[in-house]
């Protein structure tokens, strides 16, 4: 009998765990005669009673397997670690905040049975802030346009979906401790199926996303799948060098023609200095993101350090 692994990462999700468990188990019930299931839940060192809730679920159902992290390893490393620890012939990842509807598991499995190795949940609309959804959509549009080669990065897919064992093994072999999963699966190149859904609002608990986590995820996607920002810095350098030369020639001509009357003054010089300094800082920041990605890759720190495993 084939096995399907489900994976969710948690941080302070005690209010959602019972509902998450019930909805997931209801979703897989029609397939229990055909497949063996395991549900891996990782706790990112929560400060509420998430750990206690996970222990209760593991005692109640031995299909629930729990990994307790030694500290909070973040919103990228912990989900990735759970996926590579799964032993199923297919792995389904869904967020623990119930904004990834567990009811779509049925559609994922049916698409997998049709032969697709990657099945992704695709948001066509969201009940979150329209402005927030618009910003996300613009980011997906940007990264799909600047991605290197013909990666074909998908829009409005956050990683919620099903991945065949072959896909998981390829991702694992890349040995990237800080991967951009939604980009990697596109880079692999298998044909993908999509299940469209409307993303619901979070009903319990507080979102863990803030400006830093969203910026971090966005920059990881850009630096790992595009060299366009680096080339943009080169173009800026050439462009401003050429512009400076033109301004210098223009100033020289004006000074020769209007020797007494023409004076530049200090204000344009000060404005130019501040403008060029801001461009330099921008370029240094972009370069720093790429260097940081390289440092993370070569540093060889463990993806996650476990405090305890339950039901493995």
C-alpha atoms as a PDB file:
ATOM      1  CA  UNK A   1       0.000   0.000   0.000  1.00  0.00           C
ATOM      2  CA  UNK A   2       1.377   3.421  -0.950  1.00  0.00           C
ATOM      3  CA  UNK A   3       1.873   6.062   1.701  1.00  0.00           C
ATOM      4  CA  UNK A   4       0.994   9.754   1.682  1.00  0.00           C
ATOM      5  CA  UNK A   5       2.643  12.154   4.123  1.00  0.00           C
ATOM      6  CA  UNK A   6       1.032  15.395   5.215  1.00  0.00           C
ATOM      7  CA  UNK A   7       3.226  18.141   6.691  1.00  0.00           C
ATOM      8  CA  UNK A   8       2.445  21.329   8.612  1.00  0.00           C
ATOM      9  CA  UNK A   9       4.703  23.689  10.525  1.00  0.00           C
ATOM     10  CA  UNK A  10       3.368  25.455  13.624  1.00  0.00           C
ATOM     11  CA  UNK A  11       4.249  28.482  15.708  1.00  0.00           C
ATOM     12  CA  UNK A  12       1.743  29.526  18.367  1.00  0.00           C
ATOM     13  CA  UNK A  13      -1.168  27.785  16.622  1.00  0.00           C
ATOM     14  CA  UNK A  14      -2.780  26.156  19.646  1.00  0.00           C
ATOM     15  CA  UNK A  15      -6.190  27.631  18.771  1.00  0.00           C
ATOM     16  CA  UNK A  16      -6.123  26.085  15.291  1.00  0.00           C
ATOM     17  CA  UNK A  17      -4.666  22.616  15.892  1.00  0.00           C
ATOM     18  CA  UNK A  18      -7.850  20.757  16.861  1.00  0.00           C
ATOM     19  CA  UNK A  19      -9.729  22.199  13.871  1.00  0.00           C
ATOM     20  CA  UNK A  20      -6.777  21.512  11.581  1.00  0.00           C
ATOM     21  CA  UNK A  21      -6.564  17.878  12.705  1.00  0.00           C
ATOM     22  CA  UNK A  22     -10.310  17.285  12.316  1.00  0.00           C
ATOM     23  CA  UNK A  23     -10.481  18.808   8.843  1.00  0.00           C
ATOM     24  CA  UNK A  24      -7.379  16.961   7.618  1.00  0.00           C
ATOM     25  CA  UNK A  25      -8.643  13.612   8.893  1.00  0.00           C
ATOM     26  CA  UNK A  26     -12.043  14.214   7.322  1.00  0.00           C
ATOM     27  CA  UNK A  27     -10.347  15.024   4.009  1.00  0.00           C
ATOM     28  CA  UNK A  28      -8.242  11.830   3.937  1.00  0.00           C
ATOM     29  CA  UNK A  29     -10.992   9.490   5.165  1.00  0.00           C
ATOM     30  CA  UNK A  30     -12.217   8.510   1.636  1.00  0.00           C
ATOM     31  CA  UNK A  31      -8.672   7.390   0.738  1.00  0.00           C
ATOM     32  CA  UNK A  32      -7.791   5.395   3.861  1.00  0.00           C
ATOM     33  CA  UNK A  33      -8.647   2.092   2.184  1.00  0.00           C
ATOM     34  CA  UNK A  34      -6.120   2.803  -0.607  1.00  0.00           C
ATOM     35  CA  UNK A  35      -3.294   4.638   1.133  1.00  0.00           C
ATOM     36  CA  UNK A  36      -1.442   4.703   4.412  1.00  0.00           C
ATOM     37  CA  UNK A  37      -1.222   8.191   5.933  1.00  0.00           C
ATOM     38  CA  UNK A  38       1.076  10.026   8.313  1.00  0.00           C
ATOM     39  CA  UNK A  39       0.707  13.614   9.475  1.00  0.00           C
ATOM     40  CA  UNK A  40       3.963  15.326  10.469  1.00  0.00           C
ATOM     41  CA  UNK A  41       3.536  18.452  12.597  1.00  0.00           C
ATOM     42  CA  UNK A  42       6.576  20.548  13.471  1.00  0.00           C
ATOM     43  CA  UNK A  43       6.540  22.995  16.379  1.00  0.00           C
ATOM     44  CA  UNK A  44       8.862  25.986  15.992  1.00  0.00           C
ATOM     45  CA  UNK A  45       9.396  26.385  19.758  1.00  0.00           C
ATOM     46  CA  UNK A  46       5.984  27.953  20.386  1.00  0.00           C
ATOM     47  CA  UNK A  47       5.416  30.113  23.450  1.00  0.00           C
ATOM     48  CA  UNK A  48       1.745  29.128  23.919  1.00  0.00           C
ATOM     49  CA  UNK A  49       0.431  25.597  24.577  1.00  0.00           C
ATOM     50  CA  UNK A  50       0.974  24.372  21.009  1.00  0.00           C
ATOM     51  CA  UNK A  51       3.428  21.727  22.227  1.00  0.00           C
ATOM     52  CA  UNK A  52       0.880  20.350  24.686  1.00  0.00           C
ATOM     53  CA  UNK A  53      -1.801  20.221  21.978  1.00  0.00           C
ATOM     54  CA  UNK A  54       0.559  18.340  19.658  1.00  0.00           C
ATOM     55  CA  UNK A  55       1.350  15.809  22.371  1.00  0.00           C
ATOM     56  CA  UNK A  56      -2.369  15.237  22.921  1.00  0.00           C
ATOM     57  CA  UNK A  57      -2.975  14.692  19.202  1.00  0.00           C
ATOM     58  CA  UNK A  58      -0.039  12.262  19.011  1.00  0.00           C
ATOM     59  CA  UNK A  59      -1.400  10.261  21.960  1.00  0.00           C
ATOM     60  CA  UNK A  60      -4.839  10.114  20.374  1.00  0.00           C
ATOM     61  CA  UNK A  61      -3.673   9.129  16.862  1.00  0.00           C
ATOM     62  CA  UNK A  62      -0.397   7.345  16.106  1.00  0.00           C
ATOM     63  CA  UNK A  63      -0.552   8.635  12.532  1.00  0.00           C
ATOM     64  CA  UNK A  64       0.283  12.052  13.968  1.00  0.00           C
ATOM     65  CA  UNK A  65       4.059  12.450  14.181  1.00  0.00           C
ATOM     66  CA  UNK A  66       5.508  15.440  15.990  1.00  0.00           C
ATOM     67  CA  UNK A  67       8.891  17.133  15.707  1.00  0.00           C
ATOM     68  CA  UNK A  68       9.648  19.680  18.429  1.00  0.00           C
ATOM     69  CA  UNK A  69      12.351  22.126  17.327  1.00  0.00           C
ATOM     70  CA  UNK A  70      15.013  23.301  19.761  1.00  0.00           C
ATOM     71  CA  UNK A  71      14.254  26.910  18.777  1.00  0.00           C
ATOM     72  CA  UNK A  72      12.295  28.859  16.201  1.00  0.00           C
ATOM     73  CA  UNK A  73      14.020  28.056  12.898  1.00  0.00           C
ATOM     74  CA  UNK A  74      11.747  30.280  10.850  1.00  0.00           C
ATOM     75  CA  UNK A  75       9.056  30.124   8.217  1.00  0.00           C
ATOM     76  CA  UNK A  76      11.281  28.660   5.476  1.00  0.00           C
ATOM     77  CA  UNK A  77      13.527  26.111   7.164  1.00  0.00           C
ATOM     78  CA  UNK A  78      10.949  24.371   9.338  1.00  0.00           C
ATOM     79  CA  UNK A  79       8.418  23.516   6.558  1.00  0.00           C
ATOM     80  CA  UNK A  80      11.266  22.388   4.288  1.00  0.00           C
ATOM     81  CA  UNK A  81      12.670  20.165   7.042  1.00  0.00           C
ATOM     82  CA  UNK A  82       9.284  18.546   7.588  1.00  0.00           C
ATOM     83  CA  UNK A  83       8.959  17.780   3.883  1.00  0.00           C
ATOM     84  CA  UNK A  84      12.357  16.070   3.644  1.00  0.00           C
ATOM     85  CA  UNK A  85      11.632  14.044   6.794  1.00  0.00           C
ATOM     86  CA  UNK A  86       8.428  12.626   5.309  1.00  0.00           C
ATOM     87  CA  UNK A  87       8.573   9.021   4.131  1.00  0.00           C
ATOM     88  CA  UNK A  88       5.493   8.935   1.890  1.00  0.00           C
ATOM     89  CA  UNK A  89       5.283   8.251  -1.829  1.00  0.00           C
ATOM     90  CA  UNK A  90       3.735  11.714  -1.993  1.00  0.00           C
ATOM     91  CA  UNK A  91       4.045  14.681   0.389  1.00  0.00           C
ATOM     92  CA  UNK A  92       1.299  17.245   0.932  1.00  0.00           C
ATOM     93  CA  UNK A  93       2.254  20.519   2.601  1.00  0.00           C
ATOM     94  CA  UNK A  94      -0.386  22.811   4.094  1.00  0.00           C
ATOM     95  CA  UNK A  95      -0.122  25.715   6.515  1.00  0.00           C
ATOM     96  CA  UNK A  96      -1.401  25.223  10.048  1.00  0.00           C
ATOM     97  CA  UNK A  97      -3.387  28.487  10.123  1.00  0.00           C
ATOM     98  CA  UNK A  98      -6.193  26.953   7.989  1.00  0.00           C
ATOM     99  CA  UNK A  99      -5.691  29.496   5.206  1.00  0.00           C
ATOM    100  CA  UNK A 100      -4.702  26.485   3.097  1.00  0.00           C
ATOM    101  CA  UNK A 101      -8.052  24.613   3.022  1.00  0.00           C
ATOM    102  CA  UNK A 102      -7.537  20.914   3.936  1.00  0.00           C
ATOM    103  CA  UNK A 103     -10.561  20.045   1.802  1.00  0.00           C
ATOM    104  CA  UNK A 104      -8.345  20.432  -1.296  1.00  0.00           C
ATOM    105  CA  UNK A 105      -6.352  17.333  -0.259  1.00  0.00           C
ATOM    106  CA  UNK A 106      -8.911  15.228  -2.130  1.00  0.00           C
ATOM    107  CA  UNK A 107      -8.266  17.150  -5.356  1.00  0.00           C
ATOM    108  CA  UNK A 108      -4.489  16.918  -4.887  1.00  0.00           C
ATOM    109  CA  UNK A 109      -4.586  13.151  -4.525  1.00  0.00           C
ATOM    110  CA  UNK A 110      -6.866  12.729  -7.532  1.00  0.00           C
ATOM    111  CA  UNK A 111      -4.498  14.812  -9.692  1.00  0.00           C
ATOM    112  CA  UNK A 112      -1.539  12.761  -8.426  1.00  0.00           C
ATOM    113  CA  UNK A 113      -3.373   9.574  -9.378  1.00  0.00           C
ATOM    114  CA  UNK A 114      -3.721  10.994 -12.879  1.00  0.00           C
ATOM    115  CA  UNK A 115       0.078  11.082 -13.121  1.00  0.00           C
ATOM    116  CA  UNK A 116       1.042  14.621 -12.082  1.00  0.00           C
ATOM    117  CA  UNK A 117       4.148  14.764  -9.876  1.00  0.00           C
ATOM    118  CA  UNK A 118       3.438  18.305  -8.682  1.00  0.00           C
ATOM    119  CA  UNK A 119      -0.035  19.558  -7.767  1.00  0.00           C
ATOM    120  CA  UNK A 120      -0.288  23.118  -6.462  1.00  0.00           C
ATOM    121  CA  UNK A 121      -3.048  25.052  -4.786  1.00  0.00           C
ATOM    122  CA  UNK A 122      -3.425  28.338  -6.671  1.00  0.00           C
ATOM    123  CA  UNK A 123      -5.108  31.360  -5.132  1.00  0.00           C
ATOM    124  CA  UNK A 124      -7.468  33.065  -7.563  1.00  0.00           C
ATOM    125  CA  UNK A 125      -8.812  35.380  -4.893  1.00  0.00           C
ATOM    126  CA  UNK A 126      -8.221  36.092  -1.235  1.00  0.00           C
ATOM    127  CA  UNK A 127     -10.444  37.272   1.583  1.00  0.00           C
ATOM    128  CA  UNK A 128      -7.457  39.150   3.014  1.00  0.00           C
ATOM    129  CA  UNK A 129      -6.885  42.849   2.360  1.00  0.00           C
ATOM    130  CA  UNK A 130      -7.315  43.614  -1.377  1.00  0.00           C
ATOM    131  CA  UNK A 131      -4.208  45.809  -1.203  1.00  0.00           C
ATOM    132  CA  UNK A 132      -2.170  43.000   0.363  1.00  0.00           C
ATOM    133  CA  UNK A 133      -3.323  40.515  -2.272  1.00  0.00           C
ATOM    134  CA  UNK A 134      -2.536  43.030  -5.039  1.00  0.00           C
ATOM    135  CA  UNK A 135       0.997  43.519  -3.695  1.00  0.00           C
ATOM    136  CA  UNK A 136       1.529  39.749  -3.592  1.00  0.00           C
ATOM    137  CA  UNK A 137       0.235  39.422  -7.163  1.00  0.00           C
ATOM    138  CA  UNK A 138       2.602  42.169  -8.354  1.00  0.00           C
ATOM    139  CA  UNK A 139       5.528  40.395  -6.688  1.00  0.00           C
ATOM    140  CA  UNK A 140       4.686  37.090  -8.396  1.00  0.00           C
ATOM    141  CA  UNK A 141       4.409  38.950 -11.709  1.00  0.00           C
ATOM    142  CA  UNK A 142       7.803  40.596 -11.134  1.00  0.00           C
ATOM    143  CA  UNK A 143       9.668  37.438 -10.192  1.00  0.00           C
ATOM    144  CA  UNK A 144       8.135  35.460 -13.060  1.00  0.00           C
ATOM    145  CA  UNK A 145       9.374  38.129 -15.484  1.00  0.00           C
ATOM    146  CA  UNK A 146      12.932  38.450 -14.145  1.00  0.00           C
ATOM    147  CA  UNK A 147      13.559  34.752 -13.457  1.00  0.00           C
ATOM    148  CA  UNK A 148      16.599  33.302 -15.219  1.00  0.00           C
ATOM    149  CA  UNK A 149      16.181  30.934 -18.153  1.00  0.00           C
ATOM    150  CA  UNK A 150      12.710  29.462 -18.632  1.00  0.00           C
ATOM    151  CA  UNK A 151      11.994  28.528 -15.034  1.00  0.00           C
ATOM    152  CA  UNK A 152       8.311  29.378 -15.416  1.00  0.00           C
ATOM    153  CA  UNK A 153       7.692  30.463 -11.836  1.00  0.00           C
ATOM    154  CA  UNK A 154       4.013  30.108 -11.001  1.00  0.00           C
ATOM    155  CA  UNK A 155       1.918  32.980  -9.689  1.00  0.00           C
ATOM    156  CA  UNK A 156      -0.177  32.963  -6.524  1.00  0.00           C
ATOM    157  CA  UNK A 157       1.151  29.592  -5.353  1.00  0.00           C
ATOM    158  CA  UNK A 158       2.676  29.607  -1.885  1.00  0.00           C
ATOM    159  CA  UNK A 159       3.880  25.995  -1.610  1.00  0.00           C
ATOM    160  CA  UNK A 160       0.521  24.527  -0.588  1.00  0.00           C
ATOM    161  CA  UNK A 161       0.228  21.362  -2.620  1.00  0.00           C
ATOM    162  CA  UNK A 162       1.300  17.779  -3.284  1.00  0.00           C
ATOM    163  CA  UNK A 163       4.793  16.658  -4.309  1.00  0.00           C
ATOM    164  CA  UNK A 164       5.691  13.217  -5.584  1.00  0.00           C
ATOM    165  CA  UNK A 165       8.519  11.309  -3.858  1.00  0.00           C
ATOM    166  CA  UNK A 166      10.711  11.841  -6.920  1.00  0.00           C
ATOM    167  CA  UNK A 167      10.346  15.614  -6.534  1.00  0.00           C
ATOM    168  CA  UNK A 168      11.133  15.493  -2.798  1.00  0.00           C
ATOM    169  CA  UNK A 169      14.249  13.381  -3.425  1.00  0.00           C
ATOM    170  CA  UNK A 170      15.506  15.891  -6.006  1.00  0.00           C
ATOM    171  CA  UNK A 171      14.914  18.832  -3.640  1.00  0.00           C
ATOM    172  CA  UNK A 172      16.655  16.953  -0.830  1.00  0.00           C
ATOM    173  CA  UNK A 173      19.675  16.161  -3.027  1.00  0.00           C
ATOM    174  CA  UNK A 174      20.218  19.892  -3.683  1.00  0.00           C
ATOM    175  CA  UNK A 175      21.182  20.279  -0.017  1.00  0.00           C
ATOM    176  CA  UNK A 176      20.028  23.893   0.215  1.00  0.00           C
ATOM    177  CA  UNK A 177      19.459  24.853   3.889  1.00  0.00           C
ATOM    178  CA  UNK A 178      17.339  27.891   2.974  1.00  0.00           C
ATOM    179  CA  UNK A 179      15.398  26.971  -0.176  1.00  0.00           C
ATOM    180  CA  UNK A 180      12.723  28.844  -2.065  1.00  0.00           C
ATOM    181  CA  UNK A 181      10.511  25.786  -2.491  1.00  0.00           C
ATOM    182  CA  UNK A 182       7.971  27.322  -4.864  1.00  0.00           C
ATOM    183  CA  UNK A 183      10.866  28.256  -7.147  1.00  0.00           C
ATOM    184  CA  UNK A 184      12.712  24.962  -6.856  1.00  0.00           C
ATOM    185  CA  UNK A 185       9.727  22.901  -7.907  1.00  0.00           C
ATOM    186  CA  UNK A 186       9.396  25.028 -11.036  1.00  0.00           C
ATOM    187  CA  UNK A 187      13.126  24.729 -11.733  1.00  0.00           C
ATOM    188  CA  UNK A 188      12.840  20.928 -11.658  1.00  0.00           C
ATOM    189  CA  UNK A 189      10.578  21.073 -14.677  1.00  0.00           C
ATOM    190  CA  UNK A 190       7.893  18.412 -14.123  1.00  0.00           C
ATOM    191  CA  UNK A 191       4.452  19.171 -15.496  1.00  0.00           C
ATOM    192  CA  UNK A 192       2.284  20.759 -12.831  1.00  0.00           C
ATOM    193  CA  UNK A 193      -1.429  20.572 -12.125  1.00  0.00           C
ATOM    194  CA  UNK A 194      -3.277  23.376 -10.360  1.00  0.00           C
ATOM    195  CA  UNK A 195      -6.242  23.380  -8.017  1.00  0.00           C
ATOM    196  CA  UNK A 196      -7.750  26.842  -7.739  1.00  0.00           C
ATOM    197  CA  UNK A 197      -9.190  28.138  -4.466  1.00  0.00           C
ATOM    198  CA  UNK A 198     -10.210  31.299  -2.654  1.00  0.00           C
ATOM    199  CA  UNK A 199      -7.957  31.866   0.339  1.00  0.00           C
ATOM    200  CA  UNK A 200     -10.018  32.343   3.519  1.00  0.00           C
ATOM    201  CA  UNK A 201      -9.242  34.782   6.296  1.00  0.00           C
ATOM    202  CA  UNK A 202      -7.450  33.547   9.401  1.00  0.00           C
ATOM    203  CA  UNK A 203     -10.186  33.003  12.007  1.00  0.00           C
ATOM    204  CA  UNK A 204      -8.141  32.079  15.082  1.00  0.00           C
ATOM    205  CA  UNK A 205      -4.843  33.332  16.401  1.00  0.00           C
ATOM    206  CA  UNK A 206      -2.586  36.011  14.991  1.00  0.00           C
ATOM    207  CA  UNK A 207      -0.706  35.886  11.723  1.00  0.00           C
ATOM    208  CA  UNK A 208       3.040  35.312  12.068  1.00  0.00           C
ATOM    209  CA  UNK A 209       3.798  37.195   8.879  1.00  0.00           C
ATOM    210  CA  UNK A 210       5.282  40.653   9.280  1.00  0.00           C
ATOM    211  CA  UNK A 211       7.227  42.986   7.029  1.00  0.00           C
ATOM    212  CA  UNK A 212      10.515  41.207   7.727  1.00  0.00           C
ATOM    213  CA  UNK A 213       9.263  37.665   7.009  1.00  0.00           C
ATOM    214  CA  UNK A 214       7.522  38.792   3.816  1.00  0.00           C
ATOM    215  CA  UNK A 215      10.604  40.741   2.698  1.00  0.00           C
ATOM    216  CA  UNK A 216      12.832  37.771   3.533  1.00  0.00           C
ATOM    217  CA  UNK A 217      10.725  35.374   1.490  1.00  0.00           C
ATOM    218  CA  UNK A 218      10.549  37.806  -1.421  1.00  0.00           C
ATOM    219  CA  UNK A 219      14.307  38.416  -1.497  1.00  0.00           C
ATOM    220  CA  UNK A 220      15.106  34.691  -1.228  1.00  0.00           C
ATOM    221  CA  UNK A 221      12.963  34.130  -4.298  1.00  0.00           C
ATOM    222  CA  UNK A 222      14.665  36.902  -6.266  1.00  0.00           C
ATOM    223  CA  UNK A 223      18.309  36.173  -5.425  1.00  0.00           C
ATOM    224  CA  UNK A 224      17.929  32.428  -6.001  1.00  0.00           C
ATOM    225  CA  UNK A 225      16.192  32.691  -9.346  1.00  0.00           C
ATOM    226  CA  UNK A 226      17.392  35.883 -11.013  1.00  0.00           C
ATOM    227  CA  UNK A 227      20.619  37.740 -11.827  1.00  0.00           C
ATOM    228  CA  UNK A 228      18.669  40.760 -13.090  1.00  0.00           C
ATOM    229  CA  UNK A 229      19.296  42.914  -9.941  1.00  0.00           C
ATOM    230  CA  UNK A 230      23.052  42.388 -10.303  1.00  0.00           C
ATOM    231  CA  UNK A 231      22.927  43.367 -13.955  1.00  0.00           C
ATOM    232  CA  UNK A 232      20.749  46.349 -13.083  1.00  0.00           C
ATOM    233  CA  UNK A 233      23.559  47.625 -10.852  1.00  0.00           C
ATOM    234  CA  UNK A 234      25.979  47.342 -13.779  1.00  0.00           C
ATOM    235  CA  UNK A 235      23.581  49.214 -16.062  1.00  0.00           C
ATOM    236  CA  UNK A 236      23.132  51.920 -13.424  1.00  0.00           C
ATOM    237  CA  UNK A 237      26.904  52.304 -13.198  1.00  0.00           C
ATOM    238  CA  UNK A 238      27.274  52.682 -16.965  1.00  0.00           C
ATOM    239  CA  UNK A 239      24.235  54.943 -17.192  1.00  0.00           C
ATOM    240  CA  UNK A 240      25.292  57.362 -14.467  1.00  0.00           C
ATOM    241  CA  UNK A 241      28.853  57.425 -15.759  1.00  0.00           C
ATOM    242  CA  UNK A 242      27.573  58.450 -19.182  1.00  0.00           C
ATOM    243  CA  UNK A 243      25.179  60.990 -17.653  1.00  0.00           C
ATOM    244  CA  UNK A 244      27.997  62.485 -15.548  1.00  0.00           C
ATOM    245  CA  UNK A 245      30.154  62.830 -18.664  1.00  0.00           C
ATOM    246  CA  UNK A 246      27.341  64.627 -20.520  1.00  0.00           C
ATOM    247  CA  UNK A 247      26.733  66.990 -17.596  1.00  0.00           C
ATOM    248  CA  UNK A 248      30.458  67.732 -17.354  1.00  0.00           C
ATOM    249  CA  UNK A 249      30.661  68.525 -21.088  1.00  0.00           C
ATOM    250  CA  UNK A 250      27.514  70.674 -20.890  1.00  0.00           C
ATOM    251  CA  UNK A 251      28.857  72.571 -17.885  1.00  0.00           C
ATOM    252  CA  UNK A 252      32.202  73.113 -19.644  1.00  0.00           C
ATOM    253  CA  UNK A 253      30.467  74.523 -22.746  1.00  0.00           C
ATOM    254  CA  UNK A 254      28.197  76.797 -20.715  1.00  0.00           C
ATOM    255  CA  UNK A 255      31.158  78.051 -18.709  1.00  0.00           C
ATOM    256  CA  UNK A 256      33.086  78.893 -21.883  1.00  0.00           C
ATOM    257  CA  UNK A 257      30.108  80.697 -23.457  1.00  0.00           C
ATOM    258  CA  UNK A 258      28.895  82.485 -20.317  1.00  0.00           C
ATOM    259  CA  UNK A 259      32.148  82.827 -18.370  1.00  0.00           C
ATOM    260  CA  UNK A 260      31.022  85.519 -15.965  1.00  0.00           C
ATOM    261  CA  UNK A 261      27.298  84.884 -15.718  1.00  0.00           C
ATOM    262  CA  UNK A 262      27.223  81.086 -15.313  1.00  0.00           C
ATOM    263  CA  UNK A 263      27.666  79.656 -11.801  1.00  0.00           C
ATOM    264  CA  UNK A 264      26.446  76.244 -10.700  1.00  0.00           C
ATOM    265  CA  UNK A 265      25.898  76.874  -6.997  1.00  0.00           C
ATOM    266  CA  UNK A 266      26.044  74.397  -4.096  1.00  0.00           C
ATOM    267  CA  UNK A 267      22.467  73.072  -4.050  1.00  0.00           C
ATOM    268  CA  UNK A 268      22.702  70.918  -7.216  1.00  0.00           C
ATOM    269  CA  UNK A 269      26.032  69.506  -6.032  1.00  0.00           C
ATOM    270  CA  UNK A 270      24.639  68.520  -2.616  1.00  0.00           C
ATOM    271  CA  UNK A 271      21.510  66.976  -4.184  1.00  0.00           C
ATOM    272  CA  UNK A 272      23.660  65.017  -6.640  1.00  0.00           C
ATOM    273  CA  UNK A 273      25.889  63.721  -3.841  1.00  0.00           C
ATOM    274  CA  UNK A 274      22.919  62.484  -1.795  1.00  0.00           C
ATOM    275  CA  UNK A 275      21.305  60.918  -4.876  1.00  0.00           C
ATOM    276  CA  UNK A 276      24.460  59.042  -5.884  1.00  0.00           C
ATOM    277  CA  UNK A 277      25.011  57.951  -2.271  1.00  0.00           C
ATOM    278  CA  UNK A 278      21.488  56.472  -2.156  1.00  0.00           C
ATOM    279  CA  UNK A 279      22.128  54.612  -5.427  1.00  0.00           C
ATOM    280  CA  UNK A 280      25.353  53.217  -3.973  1.00  0.00           C
ATOM    281  CA  UNK A 281      23.581  52.068  -0.804  1.00  0.00           C
ATOM    282  CA  UNK A 282      20.872  50.409  -2.884  1.00  0.00           C
ATOM    283  CA  UNK A 283      23.475  48.550  -4.943  1.00  0.00           C
ATOM    284  CA  UNK A 284      25.379  47.517  -1.804  1.00  0.00           C
ATOM    285  CA  UNK A 285      22.142  46.200  -0.293  1.00  0.00           C
ATOM    286  CA  UNK A 286      21.330  44.120  -3.378  1.00  0.00           C
ATOM    287  CA  UNK A 287      24.879  42.778  -3.468  1.00  0.00           C
ATOM    288  CA  UNK A 288      24.607  41.973   0.237  1.00  0.00           C
ATOM    289  CA  UNK A 289      21.488  39.857  -0.379  1.00  0.00           C
ATOM    290  CA  UNK A 290      23.364  37.709  -2.904  1.00  0.00           C
ATOM    291  CA  UNK A 291      26.392  37.405  -0.613  1.00  0.00           C
ATOM    292  CA  UNK A 292      24.080  36.457   2.268  1.00  0.00           C
ATOM    293  CA  UNK A 293      22.486  33.716   0.152  1.00  0.00           C
ATOM    294  CA  UNK A 294      25.935  32.346  -0.704  1.00  0.00           C
ATOM    295  CA  UNK A 295      27.004  32.504   2.951  1.00  0.00           C
ATOM    296  CA  UNK A 296      23.891  30.617   4.064  1.00  0.00           C
ATOM    297  CA  UNK A 297      24.538  27.941   1.440  1.00  0.00           C
ATOM    298  CA  UNK A 298      28.220  27.362   2.307  1.00  0.00           C
ATOM    299  CA  UNK A 299      27.884  27.765   6.071  1.00  0.00           C
ATOM    300  CA  UNK A 300      26.508  24.201   6.378  1.00  0.00           C
ATOM    301  CA  UNK A 301      24.440  24.825   9.494  1.00  0.00           C
ATOM    302  CA  UNK A 302      21.747  22.207  10.184  1.00  0.00           C
ATOM    303  CA  UNK A 303      18.366  23.030   8.678  1.00  0.00           C
ATOM    304  CA  UNK A 304      16.683  22.344  12.015  1.00  0.00           C
ATOM    305  CA  UNK A 305      17.865  21.054  15.391  1.00  0.00           C
ATOM    306  CA  UNK A 306      15.295  18.765  16.999  1.00  0.00           C
ATOM    307  CA  UNK A 307      14.464  18.751  20.683  1.00  0.00           C
ATOM    308  CA  UNK A 308      12.213  15.697  20.528  1.00  0.00           C
ATOM    309  CA  UNK A 309      10.385  13.364  18.156  1.00  0.00           C
ATOM    310  CA  UNK A 310       7.061  11.709  18.915  1.00  0.00           C
ATOM    311  CA  UNK A 311       5.503   8.646  17.160  1.00  0.00           C
ATOM    312  CA  UNK A 312       8.351   8.171  14.673  1.00  0.00           C
END
